[in-house]
Every structure is written in structure tokens, then in C-alpha cells.
Amino acid sequence: MSLSFKSAPAVSLVPSIEVSRLAQFREVFGLWVQRTRERAELAQCDDRDLQDMGVSRATALAEIRKPFWRE
């Protein structure tokens, strides 16, 4: 009977994948928060503000009504 020793595995990529996924989640979450804030600000604009931005009321309402995850 002979003893066989297996070498230790190389450094695992799992932690870096988890960090990468966490970074991706933080990026997406930040984008969702930004969209929510921007749409809330757009909802506060009056017709004059919209005219200054070159945005119609209908376009603004369509943007405001979008869910946060939609571009």
C-alpha cells in the first residue's frame, strides 16, 4: 500500500467571482437608484422646465411611469 498525497489546489477563483458579482450588483443597484431619483425630479418639473429641456409633457410622463429597472 502506497500513500499518495495530492497537492493543494491553486488559489480558488470563487472569492474573485463573488467580489465581481458584488461589484456588478452595486453598479446595477446604483443605476436603479439614479433612475429613481431622476424620474422623481422629472415628475416635479412644470411645463416651463420641460420646455427648457426640450421635452414634451407626454415624453416626460412616459419616462416617469417606467419602472426603475427599465432604461
Protein backbone atom coordinates (compact mmCIF):
# COMPACT_ATOMS: atom_id res chain seq x y z
CA MET A 1 0.00 0.00 0.00
CA SER A 2 1.42 3.33 -1.01
CA LEU A 3 0.40 6.71 0.22
CA SER A 4 -0.49 9.33 -2.33
CA PHE A 5 -0.55 12.97 -1.44
CA LYS A 6 -2.47 15.35 -3.62
CA SER A 7 -1.11 18.81 -3.96
CA ALA A 8 -3.19 21.65 -2.59
CA PRO A 9 -5.44 23.24 -5.19
CA ALA A 10 -4.39 26.51 -6.71
CA VAL A 11 -5.87 29.67 -5.32
CA SER A 12 -9.60 29.47 -5.81
CA LEU A 13 -11.33 31.87 -8.17
CA VAL A 14 -14.54 31.72 -6.16
CA PRO A 15 -13.74 34.74 -3.97
CA SER A 16 -12.88 36.87 -7.01
CA ILE A 17 -16.08 35.77 -8.74
CA GLU A 18 -18.08 36.71 -5.66
CA VAL A 19 -16.36 40.09 -5.49
CA SER A 20 -17.05 40.59 -9.18
CA ARG A 21 -20.72 39.74 -8.72
CA LEU A 22 -20.93 42.06 -5.75
CA ALA A 23 -19.37 44.85 -7.82
CA GLN A 24 -21.85 44.20 -10.62
CA PHE A 25 -24.75 44.24 -8.17
CA ARG A 26 -23.57 47.51 -6.64
CA GLU A 27 -23.27 49.05 -10.10
CA VAL A 28 -26.77 47.95 -11.14
CA PHE A 29 -28.26 48.98 -7.80
CA GLY A 30 -26.65 52.41 -8.11
CA LEU A 31 -28.08 52.78 -11.60
CA TRP A 32 -31.56 51.88 -10.31
CA VAL A 33 -31.28 54.45 -7.53
CA GLN A 34 -30.11 57.09 -10.02
CA ARG A 35 -33.03 56.38 -12.37
CA THR A 36 -35.48 56.56 -9.49
CA ARG A 37 -34.12 59.94 -8.39
CA GLU A 38 -34.02 61.36 -11.90
CA ARG A 39 -37.58 60.29 -12.61
CA ALA A 40 -38.75 61.75 -9.32
CA GLU A 41 -37.08 65.05 -10.24
CA LEU A 42 -38.65 64.93 -13.69
CA ALA A 43 -42.05 64.45 -12.08
CA GLN A 44 -41.52 67.73 -10.19
CA CYS A 45 -40.86 69.73 -13.36
CA ASP A 46 -43.51 72.12 -14.58
CA ASP A 47 -44.28 72.80 -18.24
CA ARG A 48 -41.78 75.64 -18.41
CA ASP A 49 -38.96 73.43 -17.07
CA LEU A 50 -39.86 70.74 -19.58
CA GLN A 51 -39.93 73.28 -22.39
CA ASP A 52 -36.46 74.49 -21.37
CA MET A 53 -35.23 70.91 -21.58
CA GLY A 54 -36.97 70.35 -24.90
CA VAL A 55 -39.13 67.57 -23.50
CA SER A 56 -42.87 67.29 -24.03
CA ARG A 57 -45.21 66.50 -21.14
CA ALA A 58 -46.15 63.20 -22.84
CA THR A 59 -42.50 62.16 -23.14
CA ALA A 60 -41.86 63.13 -19.52
CA LEU A 61 -44.88 61.13 -18.32
CA ALA A 62 -43.77 58.10 -20.32
CA GLU A 63 -40.33 58.31 -18.68
CA ILE A 64 -41.75 58.87 -15.20
CA ARG A 65 -44.01 55.82 -15.49
CA LYS A 66 -41.20 53.42 -16.37
CA PRO A 67 -40.12 51.01 -13.66
CA PHE A 68 -36.67 51.67 -12.20
CA TRP A 69 -35.13 48.62 -13.86
CA ARG A 70 -36.07 49.81 -17.35
CA GLU A 71 -33.76 52.05 -19.31
